[in-house]
N, C-alpha and C. Protein backbone atom coordinates (compact mmCIF):
# COMPACT_ATOMS: atom_id res chain seq x y z
N MET A 1 48.44 -33.33 -78.92
CA MET A 1 47.85 -33.52 -77.37
C MET A 1 46.74 -32.78 -77.18
N LEU A 2 45.66 -33.24 -76.80
CA LEU A 2 44.48 -32.28 -76.39
C LEU A 2 44.38 -32.43 -74.88
N TYR A 3 43.99 -31.22 -74.33
CA TYR A 3 44.10 -31.28 -72.88
C TYR A 3 42.84 -30.65 -72.39
N ILE A 4 42.48 -30.93 -71.07
CA ILE A 4 41.29 -30.24 -70.42
C ILE A 4 41.93 -29.84 -69.01
N VAL A 5 41.36 -28.88 -68.46
CA VAL A 5 41.76 -28.46 -66.97
C VAL A 5 40.81 -29.00 -66.14
N ASP A 6 41.49 -29.47 -65.10
CA ASP A 6 40.57 -30.22 -64.07
C ASP A 6 41.33 -29.73 -62.61
N ASN A 7 40.55 -28.79 -61.94
CA ASN A 7 41.27 -28.33 -60.65
C ASN A 7 42.66 -28.16 -60.86
N LYS A 8 42.93 -27.16 -61.85
CA LYS A 8 44.44 -26.74 -62.25
C LYS A 8 45.32 -27.80 -62.49
N LYS A 9 44.97 -28.89 -62.69
CA LYS A 9 45.83 -30.10 -63.33
C LYS A 9 45.44 -30.22 -64.87
N TYR A 10 46.39 -30.46 -65.70
CA TYR A 10 46.13 -30.70 -67.01
C TYR A 10 46.17 -32.35 -67.30
N ILE A 11 45.07 -32.60 -67.80
CA ILE A 11 45.14 -34.23 -68.07
C ILE A 11 44.70 -34.35 -69.49
N SER A 12 44.93 -35.47 -70.03
CA SER A 12 44.42 -35.80 -71.48
C SER A 12 43.19 -36.54 -71.44
N GLY A 13 42.44 -36.00 -72.49
CA GLY A 13 41.20 -36.28 -72.66
C GLY A 13 40.47 -35.95 -73.95
N GLU A 14 39.31 -36.46 -74.21
CA GLU A 14 38.62 -36.03 -75.52
C GLU A 14 38.31 -34.60 -75.76
N ARG A 15 38.58 -34.21 -76.86
CA ARG A 15 38.20 -32.68 -77.19
C ARG A 15 36.79 -32.43 -77.17
N GLU A 16 36.55 -31.27 -76.48
CA GLU A 16 35.13 -30.67 -76.36
C GLU A 16 34.99 -29.73 -77.47
N PRO A 17 33.87 -29.31 -77.91
CA PRO A 17 33.82 -28.15 -78.88
C PRO A 17 34.60 -26.88 -78.83
N ARG A 18 34.58 -26.64 -77.52
CA ARG A 18 35.41 -25.31 -77.12
C ARG A 18 36.94 -25.46 -76.66
N GLN A 19 37.46 -26.58 -76.72
CA GLN A 19 38.67 -26.79 -76.36
C GLN A 19 39.55 -26.45 -77.44
N THR A 20 40.85 -26.18 -76.89
CA THR A 20 41.92 -25.78 -77.50
C THR A 20 42.78 -26.72 -77.78
N SER A 21 43.56 -27.13 -79.02
CA SER A 21 44.58 -28.07 -79.02
C SER A 21 45.94 -27.37 -78.96
N LEU A 22 46.81 -28.07 -78.18
CA LEU A 22 48.19 -27.32 -78.09
C LEU A 22 49.12 -28.58 -78.07
N THR A 23 50.21 -28.65 -78.95
CA THR A 23 51.04 -29.62 -79.14
C THR A 23 52.37 -29.26 -79.08
N ILE A 24 53.26 -29.68 -77.97
CA ILE A 24 54.70 -29.64 -78.38
C ILE A 24 55.22 -30.42 -79.32
N LEU A 25 56.04 -29.95 -80.20
CA LEU A 25 56.52 -30.99 -81.41
C LEU A 25 57.97 -31.12 -80.97
N ARG A 26 58.51 -30.08 -80.45
CA ARG A 26 60.09 -30.19 -80.36
C ARG A 26 60.58 -29.43 -79.12
N LEU A 27 61.23 -29.99 -78.27
CA LEU A 27 61.71 -29.58 -77.04
C LEU A 27 63.24 -29.91 -76.89
N GLN A 28 64.13 -28.73 -76.70
CA GLN A 28 65.58 -28.92 -76.60
C GLN A 28 66.18 -27.88 -75.66
N LYS A 29 67.43 -28.30 -75.14
CA LYS A 29 68.36 -27.36 -74.52
C LYS A 29 69.53 -27.35 -75.26
N LEU A 30 69.73 -26.01 -75.62
CA LEU A 30 71.12 -25.98 -76.63
C LEU A 30 72.24 -25.44 -75.88
N HIS A 31 73.37 -26.01 -75.90
CA HIS A 31 74.60 -25.39 -75.26
C HIS A 31 75.62 -24.78 -76.65
N LEU A 32 75.77 -23.53 -76.75
CA LEU A 32 76.35 -22.90 -77.89
C LEU A 32 77.57 -22.39 -77.56
N GLU A 33 78.61 -22.42 -78.22
CA GLU A 33 79.82 -21.95 -78.06
C GLU A 33 80.06 -20.46 -78.68
N THR A 34 80.91 -19.72 -78.32
CA THR A 34 81.08 -18.41 -78.96
C THR A 34 81.12 -18.49 -80.42
N SER A 35 80.41 -17.56 -81.09
CA SER A 35 80.58 -17.59 -82.47
C SER A 35 79.66 -18.54 -83.42
N PHE A 36 78.92 -19.39 -82.72
CA PHE A 36 78.36 -20.53 -83.33
C PHE A 36 76.95 -19.84 -83.97
N VAL A 37 76.81 -20.36 -85.14
CA VAL A 37 75.53 -19.84 -85.94
C VAL A 37 74.63 -20.82 -85.96
N TYR A 38 73.32 -20.47 -85.57
CA TYR A 38 72.27 -21.12 -85.54
C TYR A 38 71.33 -20.83 -86.82
N HIS A 39 70.75 -21.77 -87.50
CA HIS A 39 69.91 -21.64 -88.43
C HIS A 39 68.42 -22.50 -88.35
N THR A 40 67.37 -21.87 -88.66
CA THR A 40 66.10 -22.69 -88.57
C THR A 40 65.70 -22.63 -89.95
N ASN A 41 64.86 -23.78 -90.42
CA ASN A 41 64.26 -23.63 -91.65
C ASN A 41 62.92 -22.98 -91.70
N LEU A 42 62.30 -22.46 -92.77
CA LEU A 42 61.03 -22.07 -92.89
C LEU A 42 60.02 -23.12 -92.33
N THR A 43 58.99 -22.70 -91.41
CA THR A 43 58.20 -23.75 -90.74
C THR A 43 56.91 -23.28 -90.81
N GLU A 44 55.98 -24.21 -90.68
CA GLU A 44 54.52 -23.78 -90.33
C GLU A 44 54.23 -23.92 -88.94
N ASN A 45 55.01 -24.06 -88.10
CA ASN A 45 54.88 -24.18 -86.54
C ASN A 45 55.31 -22.87 -85.90
N ASP A 46 54.91 -22.61 -84.71
CA ASP A 46 55.47 -21.44 -83.98
C ASP A 46 56.69 -21.91 -82.94
N ALA A 47 57.52 -20.98 -82.50
CA ALA A 47 58.41 -21.45 -81.85
C ALA A 47 58.88 -20.33 -80.70
N LEU A 48 59.20 -20.84 -79.28
CA LEU A 48 59.88 -19.83 -78.50
C LEU A 48 61.20 -20.38 -78.07
N PHE A 49 62.04 -19.23 -77.88
CA PHE A 49 63.49 -19.35 -77.57
C PHE A 49 63.63 -18.54 -76.28
N LEU A 50 64.22 -19.43 -75.35
CA LEU A 50 64.65 -18.60 -73.90
C LEU A 50 66.09 -18.44 -73.94
N VAL A 51 66.60 -17.55 -73.98
CA VAL A 51 68.18 -17.14 -73.70
C VAL A 51 68.32 -17.30 -72.18
N SER A 52 68.67 -18.58 -71.71
CA SER A 52 68.91 -18.59 -70.26
C SER A 52 70.08 -18.08 -69.64
N SER A 53 71.16 -18.21 -70.37
CA SER A 53 72.29 -17.67 -70.20
C SER A 53 73.36 -17.33 -71.23
N GLY A 54 74.16 -16.42 -71.34
CA GLY A 54 74.89 -15.89 -72.27
C GLY A 54 74.06 -14.67 -73.16
N SER A 55 74.39 -14.73 -74.43
CA SER A 55 73.63 -13.81 -75.21
C SER A 55 73.85 -13.90 -76.75
N ILE A 56 72.77 -13.88 -77.76
CA ILE A 56 72.95 -13.78 -78.98
C ILE A 56 72.84 -12.58 -79.70
N GLU A 57 73.15 -12.69 -81.14
CA GLU A 57 72.88 -11.64 -81.83
C GLU A 57 71.84 -12.10 -83.13
N SER A 58 70.88 -11.26 -83.19
CA SER A 58 69.86 -11.56 -84.27
C SER A 58 69.64 -10.27 -84.87
N GLU A 59 69.44 -10.16 -86.38
CA GLU A 59 69.34 -8.98 -86.98
C GLU A 59 69.84 -7.65 -86.34
N ASN A 60 71.10 -7.88 -86.08
CA ASN A 60 72.04 -6.69 -85.68
C ASN A 60 71.62 -6.24 -84.24
N LYS A 61 70.84 -7.18 -83.58
CA LYS A 61 70.41 -6.80 -82.42
C LYS A 61 71.03 -7.88 -81.02
N ILE A 62 71.46 -7.41 -80.25
CA ILE A 62 72.03 -8.26 -79.17
C ILE A 62 70.89 -8.76 -78.11
N ILE A 63 70.61 -9.89 -77.96
CA ILE A 63 69.45 -10.45 -77.09
C ILE A 63 70.30 -11.21 -75.87
N GLU A 64 70.14 -10.49 -74.74
CA GLU A 64 70.68 -11.04 -73.47
C GLU A 64 69.97 -12.04 -72.76
N SER A 65 70.47 -12.73 -71.80
CA SER A 65 69.92 -13.80 -71.08
C SER A 65 68.59 -13.27 -70.28
N GLY A 66 67.46 -14.02 -70.11
CA GLY A 66 66.28 -13.80 -69.52
C GLY A 66 65.22 -13.19 -70.71
N ASN A 67 65.70 -13.27 -72.03
CA ASN A 67 64.66 -12.72 -72.95
C ASN A 67 64.21 -14.11 -73.59
N ILE A 68 62.85 -13.81 -74.24
CA ILE A 68 62.19 -14.94 -74.78
C ILE A 68 62.15 -14.29 -76.11
N ILE A 69 62.24 -15.05 -77.18
CA ILE A 69 62.13 -14.74 -78.72
C ILE A 69 60.96 -15.63 -79.01
N TYR A 70 59.88 -14.86 -79.64
CA TYR A 70 58.77 -15.69 -80.18
C TYR A 70 58.71 -15.35 -81.61
N VAL A 71 58.90 -16.63 -82.34
CA VAL A 71 59.19 -16.80 -83.81
C VAL A 71 57.77 -17.49 -84.40
N PRO A 72 56.94 -16.50 -85.13
CA PRO A 72 55.61 -17.04 -85.66
C PRO A 72 55.90 -17.91 -86.86
N LYS A 73 54.87 -18.52 -87.30
CA LYS A 73 54.70 -19.38 -88.52
C LYS A 73 55.24 -18.70 -89.69
N TYR A 74 55.80 -19.52 -90.63
CA TYR A 74 56.42 -19.16 -91.83
C TYR A 74 57.63 -18.21 -91.70
N SER A 75 58.14 -18.24 -90.41
CA SER A 75 59.37 -17.44 -90.36
C SER A 75 60.48 -18.30 -90.17
N GLY A 76 61.71 -17.76 -90.59
CA GLY A 76 63.03 -18.41 -90.34
C GLY A 76 63.64 -17.52 -89.12
N PHE A 77 64.63 -18.18 -88.45
CA PHE A 77 65.08 -17.33 -87.18
C PHE A 77 66.75 -17.98 -87.11
N ASN A 78 67.58 -16.91 -87.33
CA ASN A 78 69.07 -17.10 -87.29
C ASN A 78 69.55 -16.35 -86.58
N PHE A 79 70.71 -16.77 -85.53
CA PHE A 79 71.54 -15.85 -84.93
C PHE A 79 72.72 -16.32 -84.52
N LEU A 80 73.48 -15.58 -83.96
CA LEU A 80 74.89 -16.04 -83.75
C LEU A 80 75.08 -15.92 -82.08
N ALA A 81 75.86 -16.81 -81.59
CA ALA A 81 76.10 -16.82 -80.30
C ALA A 81 77.24 -15.89 -80.01
N THR A 82 77.11 -14.96 -79.22
CA THR A 82 78.23 -13.77 -79.03
C THR A 82 78.99 -14.14 -77.87
N LYS A 83 78.56 -15.27 -76.93
CA LYS A 83 79.46 -15.84 -75.91
C LYS A 83 78.76 -17.28 -75.51
N PRO A 84 79.65 -17.82 -74.67
CA PRO A 84 78.77 -19.28 -74.36
C PRO A 84 77.38 -18.98 -73.99
N THR A 85 76.47 -19.57 -74.70
CA THR A 85 75.02 -19.55 -74.47
C THR A 85 74.23 -20.75 -74.16
N GLU A 86 73.45 -20.77 -73.22
CA GLU A 86 72.35 -21.65 -73.05
C GLU A 86 71.03 -21.21 -73.70
N LEU A 87 70.34 -22.25 -74.44
CA LEU A 87 69.06 -21.61 -74.85
C LEU A 87 68.16 -22.75 -74.97
N PHE A 88 66.95 -22.54 -74.75
CA PHE A 88 65.79 -23.47 -74.68
C PHE A 88 65.01 -23.15 -75.96
N GLU A 89 64.68 -24.15 -76.53
CA GLU A 89 63.62 -23.94 -77.73
C GLU A 89 62.63 -25.08 -77.87
N ILE A 90 61.40 -24.34 -77.84
CA ILE A 90 60.17 -25.05 -77.93
C ILE A 90 59.44 -24.76 -79.03
N VAL A 91 59.20 -25.87 -80.03
CA VAL A 91 58.45 -25.66 -81.01
C VAL A 91 57.13 -26.16 -80.97
N PHE A 92 56.09 -25.62 -81.28
CA PHE A 92 54.55 -26.09 -81.01
C PHE A 92 53.58 -25.75 -82.00
N ASN A 93 52.58 -26.39 -81.87
CA ASN A 93 51.10 -26.08 -82.81
C ASN A 93 50.20 -25.75 -81.70
N TYR A 94 49.48 -24.62 -82.12
CA TYR A 94 48.41 -24.08 -81.29
C TYR A 94 47.22 -23.88 -82.22
N SER A 95 46.02 -24.43 -81.95
CA SER A 95 44.98 -24.18 -82.68
C SER A 95 44.26 -22.85 -82.72
N GLU A 96 44.47 -22.19 -81.64
CA GLU A 96 43.89 -20.84 -81.72
C GLU A 96 44.92 -19.80 -82.09
N LYS A 97 44.53 -18.58 -82.76
CA LYS A 97 45.59 -17.60 -83.23
C LYS A 97 46.11 -16.98 -81.99
N PHE A 98 47.26 -17.00 -81.88
CA PHE A 98 48.22 -16.39 -81.01
C PHE A 98 48.23 -14.89 -81.04
N ILE A 99 47.95 -14.23 -80.10
CA ILE A 99 47.66 -12.77 -80.06
C ILE A 99 49.11 -11.97 -80.72
N LEU A 100 50.09 -12.76 -80.79
CA LEU A 100 51.20 -12.08 -81.04
C LEU A 100 51.53 -12.20 -82.73
N SER A 101 50.56 -13.22 -83.13
CA SER A 101 51.12 -13.73 -84.44
C SER A 101 51.13 -12.55 -85.66
N SER A 102 52.29 -12.50 -86.33
CA SER A 102 52.44 -11.71 -87.50
C SER A 102 53.81 -12.44 -88.25
N LYS A 103 54.15 -11.64 -89.13
CA LYS A 103 55.59 -12.20 -89.88
C LYS A 103 56.64 -11.92 -89.20
N LYS A 104 56.64 -11.01 -88.05
CA LYS A 104 58.01 -10.94 -87.52
C LYS A 104 58.09 -11.60 -86.14
N SER A 105 59.26 -11.47 -85.68
CA SER A 105 59.70 -12.16 -84.42
C SER A 105 59.70 -11.16 -83.35
N TYR A 106 59.16 -11.45 -82.00
CA TYR A 106 59.32 -10.56 -80.95
C TYR A 106 60.18 -11.02 -80.04
N VAL A 107 60.82 -9.93 -79.39
CA VAL A 107 61.75 -10.40 -78.13
C VAL A 107 60.98 -9.63 -76.78
N ILE A 108 60.94 -10.49 -75.97
CA ILE A 108 60.19 -10.38 -74.66
C ILE A 108 60.89 -10.57 -73.43
N LYS A 109 61.25 -9.63 -72.59
CA LYS A 109 61.67 -9.72 -71.33
C LYS A 109 60.68 -10.78 -70.46
N ALA A 110 61.21 -12.00 -70.02
CA ALA A 110 60.59 -12.92 -69.41
C ALA A 110 60.44 -12.73 -67.76
N PRO A 111 59.51 -12.83 -67.13
CA PRO A 111 59.37 -12.78 -65.72
C PRO A 111 60.24 -13.90 -65.19
N LEU A 112 60.92 -14.14 -64.09
CA LEU A 112 61.44 -14.93 -63.38
C LEU A 112 60.69 -16.40 -63.50
N HIS A 113 59.31 -16.31 -63.08
CA HIS A 113 58.50 -17.41 -63.10
C HIS A 113 58.26 -18.17 -64.31
N THR A 114 58.29 -17.19 -65.44
CA THR A 114 58.16 -17.83 -66.74
C THR A 114 59.45 -18.54 -67.06
N GLN A 115 60.77 -18.00 -66.73
CA GLN A 115 61.83 -18.64 -67.23
C GLN A 115 62.01 -20.06 -66.38
N GLU A 116 61.24 -20.15 -65.14
CA GLU A 116 61.45 -21.29 -64.55
C GLU A 116 60.47 -22.43 -65.01
N MET A 117 59.32 -22.07 -65.84
CA MET A 117 58.48 -22.82 -66.29
C MET A 117 59.19 -23.64 -67.51
N PHE A 118 60.42 -22.96 -68.35
CA PHE A 118 60.94 -23.64 -69.21
C PHE A 118 61.78 -24.74 -68.65
N ASN A 119 62.46 -24.57 -67.61
CA ASN A 119 63.12 -25.57 -67.03
C ASN A 119 62.01 -26.78 -66.39
N GLN A 120 60.95 -26.54 -65.93
CA GLN A 120 60.08 -27.64 -65.67
C GLN A 120 59.82 -28.21 -66.64
N ILE A 121 59.38 -27.51 -67.88
CA ILE A 121 59.08 -28.48 -69.37
C ILE A 121 60.23 -29.46 -69.50
N TYR A 122 61.56 -28.78 -69.63
CA TYR A 122 62.54 -29.49 -69.90
C TYR A 122 62.70 -30.76 -69.14
N ARG A 123 62.42 -30.56 -67.60
CA ARG A 123 62.72 -31.67 -66.56
C ARG A 123 61.70 -32.73 -66.67
N ASN A 124 60.54 -32.57 -67.42
CA ASN A 124 59.52 -33.48 -67.38
C ASN A 124 59.98 -34.60 -68.47
N PRO A 125 59.90 -35.71 -68.41
CA PRO A 125 60.03 -36.79 -69.55
C PRO A 125 58.87 -36.53 -70.71
N SER A 126 59.17 -36.38 -71.87
CA SER A 126 58.22 -35.99 -72.73
C SER A 126 57.26 -36.78 -73.19
N PHE A 127 57.30 -38.23 -72.90
CA PHE A 127 56.42 -39.02 -73.55
C PHE A 127 56.05 -40.26 -72.56
N CYS A 128 55.41 -39.83 -71.49
CA CYS A 128 55.06 -40.89 -70.70
C CYS A 128 53.88 -40.42 -69.78
N ASP A 129 52.98 -41.23 -69.67
CA ASP A 129 51.60 -40.98 -68.74
C ASP A 129 51.11 -39.53 -69.36
N ASN A 130 50.87 -38.70 -68.34
CA ASN A 130 50.21 -37.35 -68.60
C ASN A 130 51.07 -36.26 -68.84
N LEU A 131 52.35 -36.79 -68.66
CA LEU A 131 53.27 -35.59 -68.45
C LEU A 131 53.46 -34.50 -69.91
N PRO A 132 53.08 -35.14 -71.06
CA PRO A 132 53.03 -34.09 -72.16
C PRO A 132 51.98 -33.16 -71.93
N GLY A 133 50.46 -33.51 -71.52
CA GLY A 133 49.79 -32.67 -71.01
C GLY A 133 50.18 -31.76 -69.98
N VAL A 134 50.78 -32.05 -69.05
CA VAL A 134 51.36 -31.02 -67.93
C VAL A 134 52.24 -30.03 -68.70
N ASN A 135 53.19 -30.56 -69.57
CA ASN A 135 54.08 -29.65 -70.19
C ASN A 135 53.25 -28.67 -71.18
N GLU A 136 52.09 -29.34 -71.69
CA GLU A 136 51.42 -28.06 -72.61
C GLU A 136 50.79 -27.19 -71.63
N GLY A 137 50.35 -27.64 -70.51
CA GLY A 137 49.70 -26.70 -69.64
C GLY A 137 50.55 -25.56 -69.12
N LEU A 138 51.86 -25.89 -69.02
CA LEU A 138 53.00 -24.96 -68.57
C LEU A 138 53.17 -24.11 -69.72
N LEU A 139 53.18 -24.57 -70.89
CA LEU A 139 53.56 -23.90 -72.12
C LEU A 139 52.36 -22.81 -72.28
N LEU A 140 51.12 -23.26 -72.09
CA LEU A 140 49.91 -22.29 -72.23
C LEU A 140 50.09 -21.09 -71.29
N ASN A 141 50.55 -21.48 -70.09
CA ASN A 141 50.69 -20.38 -69.16
C ASN A 141 51.75 -19.29 -69.53
N ILE A 142 52.82 -20.02 -70.15
CA ILE A 142 53.92 -18.89 -70.70
C ILE A 142 53.31 -18.15 -71.68
N LEU A 143 52.47 -18.79 -72.73
CA LEU A 143 51.76 -17.95 -73.69
C LEU A 143 50.95 -16.88 -73.15
N ASN A 144 50.32 -17.23 -72.11
CA ASN A 144 49.38 -16.16 -71.54
C ASN A 144 50.04 -15.24 -70.87
N THR A 145 51.24 -15.37 -70.30
CA THR A 145 51.93 -14.41 -69.44
C THR A 145 52.65 -13.40 -70.81
N LEU A 146 53.04 -13.97 -71.82
CA LEU A 146 53.59 -13.16 -72.79
C LEU A 146 52.68 -12.21 -73.63
N ASN A 147 51.16 -12.99 -73.64
CA ASN A 147 50.24 -12.05 -74.23
C ASN A 147 49.94 -10.84 -73.35
N ILE A 148 50.16 -11.22 -71.90
CA ILE A 148 49.66 -10.02 -70.87
C ILE A 148 50.81 -8.87 -71.27
N ILE A 149 51.93 -9.39 -71.21
CA ILE A 149 53.11 -8.34 -71.29
C ILE A 149 53.10 -7.64 -72.54
N CYS A 150 52.71 -8.25 -73.79
CA CYS A 150 52.83 -7.80 -75.09
C CYS A 150 51.67 -6.74 -75.06
N ASN A 151 50.39 -6.98 -74.39
CA ASN A 151 49.24 -6.01 -74.43
C ASN A 151 49.92 -4.79 -73.60
N SER A 152 50.63 -4.96 -72.69
CA SER A 152 51.05 -3.90 -71.82
C SER A 152 51.99 -2.87 -72.72
N TYR A 153 52.99 -3.58 -73.59
CA TYR A 153 53.88 -2.90 -74.38
C TYR A 153 52.93 -2.15 -75.37
N SER A 154 51.88 -2.70 -75.97
CA SER A 154 51.07 -2.09 -76.95
C SER A 154 50.31 -0.79 -76.39
N GLY A 155 49.99 -1.09 -74.99
CA GLY A 155 49.24 0.29 -74.33
C GLY A 155 50.32 1.34 -74.26
N GLU A 156 51.55 1.03 -73.74
CA GLU A 156 52.41 2.02 -73.74
C GLU A 156 52.93 2.77 -74.88
N LEU A 157 53.21 2.06 -76.03
CA LEU A 157 53.64 2.52 -77.41
C LEU A 157 52.40 3.44 -77.92
N ALA A 158 50.99 3.07 -77.61
CA ALA A 158 50.16 3.85 -78.07
C ALA A 158 50.13 5.09 -77.28
N LEU A 159 50.38 5.11 -75.96
CA LEU A 159 50.37 6.20 -75.15
C LEU A 159 51.38 7.08 -75.82
N TYR A 160 52.86 6.46 -75.95
CA TYR A 160 53.74 7.46 -76.56
C TYR A 160 53.39 7.95 -77.83
N GLN A 161 52.79 7.44 -78.68
CA GLN A 161 52.42 7.90 -79.91
C GLN A 161 51.34 9.04 -79.94
N LYS A 162 50.45 8.84 -78.94
CA LYS A 162 49.43 9.76 -78.64
C LYS A 162 50.09 11.12 -78.30
N CYS A 163 51.02 10.90 -77.20
CA CYS A 163 51.79 12.16 -76.57
C CYS A 163 52.56 12.64 -77.40
N HIS A 164 53.27 12.26 -78.69
CA HIS A 164 54.19 12.78 -79.71
C HIS A 164 53.23 13.60 -80.45
N GLU A 165 52.03 13.00 -81.00
CA GLU A 165 51.10 13.84 -81.87
C GLU A 165 50.76 14.97 -81.21
N TRP A 166 50.14 14.80 -79.77
CA TRP A 166 49.72 15.87 -79.11
C TRP A 166 50.72 17.08 -78.85
N ILE A 167 51.93 16.68 -78.52
CA ILE A 167 52.93 17.92 -78.46
C ILE A 167 53.14 18.43 -79.77
N GLU A 168 53.11 17.88 -80.98
CA GLU A 168 53.33 18.55 -82.07
C GLU A 168 52.15 19.43 -82.36
N GLN A 169 50.85 19.21 -82.05
CA GLN A 169 49.67 19.98 -82.14
C GLN A 169 49.70 20.91 -81.46
N HIS A 170 50.39 21.12 -80.04
CA HIS A 170 50.44 22.23 -79.10
C HIS A 170 51.70 22.77 -78.96
N ALA A 171 52.50 22.65 -79.92
CA ALA A 171 53.80 23.14 -79.86
C ALA A 171 53.89 24.74 -79.86
N PHE A 172 52.98 25.41 -80.18
CA PHE A 172 52.75 26.81 -80.18
C PHE A 172 52.69 27.38 -78.66
N ARG A 173 52.41 26.58 -77.69
CA ARG A 173 52.20 26.93 -76.36
C ARG A 173 53.13 26.19 -75.30
N PRO A 174 53.56 26.79 -74.16
CA PRO A 174 54.28 26.02 -73.35
C PRO A 174 53.90 24.76 -72.77
N ILE A 175 54.68 23.72 -72.94
CA ILE A 175 54.34 22.46 -72.50
C ILE A 175 55.39 22.07 -71.27
N THR A 176 54.38 21.40 -70.31
CA THR A 176 55.03 20.87 -69.16
C THR A 176 54.58 19.57 -69.14
N ALA A 177 55.45 18.53 -68.44
CA ALA A 177 55.10 17.14 -68.05
C ALA A 177 53.76 16.97 -67.44
N GLU A 178 53.56 17.90 -66.58
CA GLU A 178 52.39 17.81 -65.97
C GLU A 178 51.04 18.10 -66.69
N TYR A 179 51.14 19.03 -67.52
CA TYR A 179 50.30 19.69 -68.53
C TYR A 179 49.90 18.41 -69.28
N THR A 180 51.04 17.89 -69.93
CA THR A 180 50.83 16.64 -70.96
C THR A 180 50.13 15.62 -70.36
N ALA A 181 50.76 15.11 -69.13
CA ALA A 181 50.15 14.00 -68.35
C ALA A 181 48.58 14.21 -68.05
N GLU A 182 48.31 15.08 -67.90
CA GLU A 182 46.81 15.51 -67.55
C GLU A 182 45.91 15.25 -68.90
N ALA A 183 46.71 15.94 -70.11
CA ALA A 183 46.03 15.73 -71.27
C ALA A 183 45.96 14.23 -71.90
N MET A 184 47.07 13.57 -71.41
CA MET A 184 46.85 12.25 -71.58
C MET A 184 46.13 11.09 -70.76
N GLY A 185 45.83 11.71 -69.45
CA GLY A 185 45.10 10.87 -68.59
C GLY A 185 45.89 9.75 -67.98
N CYS A 186 47.00 10.45 -67.51
CA CYS A 186 47.88 9.32 -66.78
C CYS A 186 48.85 10.08 -65.90
N THR A 187 49.40 9.72 -65.06
CA THR A 187 50.40 10.25 -64.08
C THR A 187 51.57 10.70 -64.63
N VAL A 188 52.30 11.86 -64.14
CA VAL A 188 53.51 12.19 -64.81
C VAL A 188 54.79 11.29 -64.78
N ALA A 189 54.37 10.47 -63.61
CA ALA A 189 55.61 9.37 -63.46
C ALA A 189 55.62 8.33 -64.54
N HIS A 190 54.25 7.84 -65.10
CA HIS A 190 54.00 6.90 -66.04
C HIS A 190 54.38 7.52 -67.39
N LEU A 191 54.03 8.95 -67.52
CA LEU A 191 54.26 9.43 -68.70
C LEU A 191 55.78 9.47 -69.29
N ASN A 192 56.51 9.79 -68.09
CA ASN A 192 58.11 9.81 -68.22
C ASN A 192 58.57 8.64 -68.45
N ARG A 193 58.14 7.59 -67.79
CA ARG A 193 58.79 6.27 -67.99
C ARG A 193 58.38 5.69 -69.41
N THR A 194 57.11 5.80 -70.00
CA THR A 194 56.97 5.51 -71.26
C THR A 194 57.73 6.32 -72.38
N VAL A 195 57.73 7.66 -72.02
CA VAL A 195 58.62 8.30 -73.25
C VAL A 195 60.05 7.98 -73.25
N LYS A 196 60.62 7.88 -71.98
CA LYS A 196 61.99 7.48 -71.97
C LYS A 196 62.13 6.06 -72.44
N LYS A 197 61.18 5.10 -72.16
CA LYS A 197 61.40 3.76 -72.77
C LYS A 197 61.55 3.63 -74.33
N TYR A 198 60.74 4.75 -74.88
CA TYR A 198 60.64 4.63 -76.38
C TYR A 198 61.38 5.70 -77.32
N SER A 199 62.03 6.82 -76.48
CA SER A 199 62.61 7.72 -77.07
C SER A 199 64.01 7.87 -76.44
N ASN A 200 64.37 7.33 -75.30
CA ASN A 200 65.60 7.43 -74.66
C ASN A 200 65.77 8.90 -74.30
């Protein structure tokens, strides 16, 4: 499906040179019982999984409800349901390089409005009139939101790493939170939140 934006409405149309193609290939809601093991095959497509209730275990990490797992191209994704779980799966093709693209999966805490978009996509019939274009518009909004969140994560991680290096270089002198925050060019509160997030 190719789409164009017209007054914030997504409608189907002919592709222009600068337009992006975005196609939803599979959309399903899964209801999993405790201890159910889910396997995906290696694929050339991207996928988003939203844990809308319950929790799953993947790569020895528990992923609670409200989290989105982004699985990039050429990746497999296997997990175990640790309790009765509801899960949305969207498999899609996107002609632009997604900013998160790599060979690893990402787990991202999704804002409530983004979680609701999964429900909206699922509620729309997939193959009638312009609704596929509407769904792809919703998916594009989800991807944009995830990009913003991940860019924020990247900035925080860079600050933490810079702070860690700076402390090592200045270990010979007394170091306070205020002194360090000033050197990092941020507030003490932001520095404390970031360091706590990445080092507990």
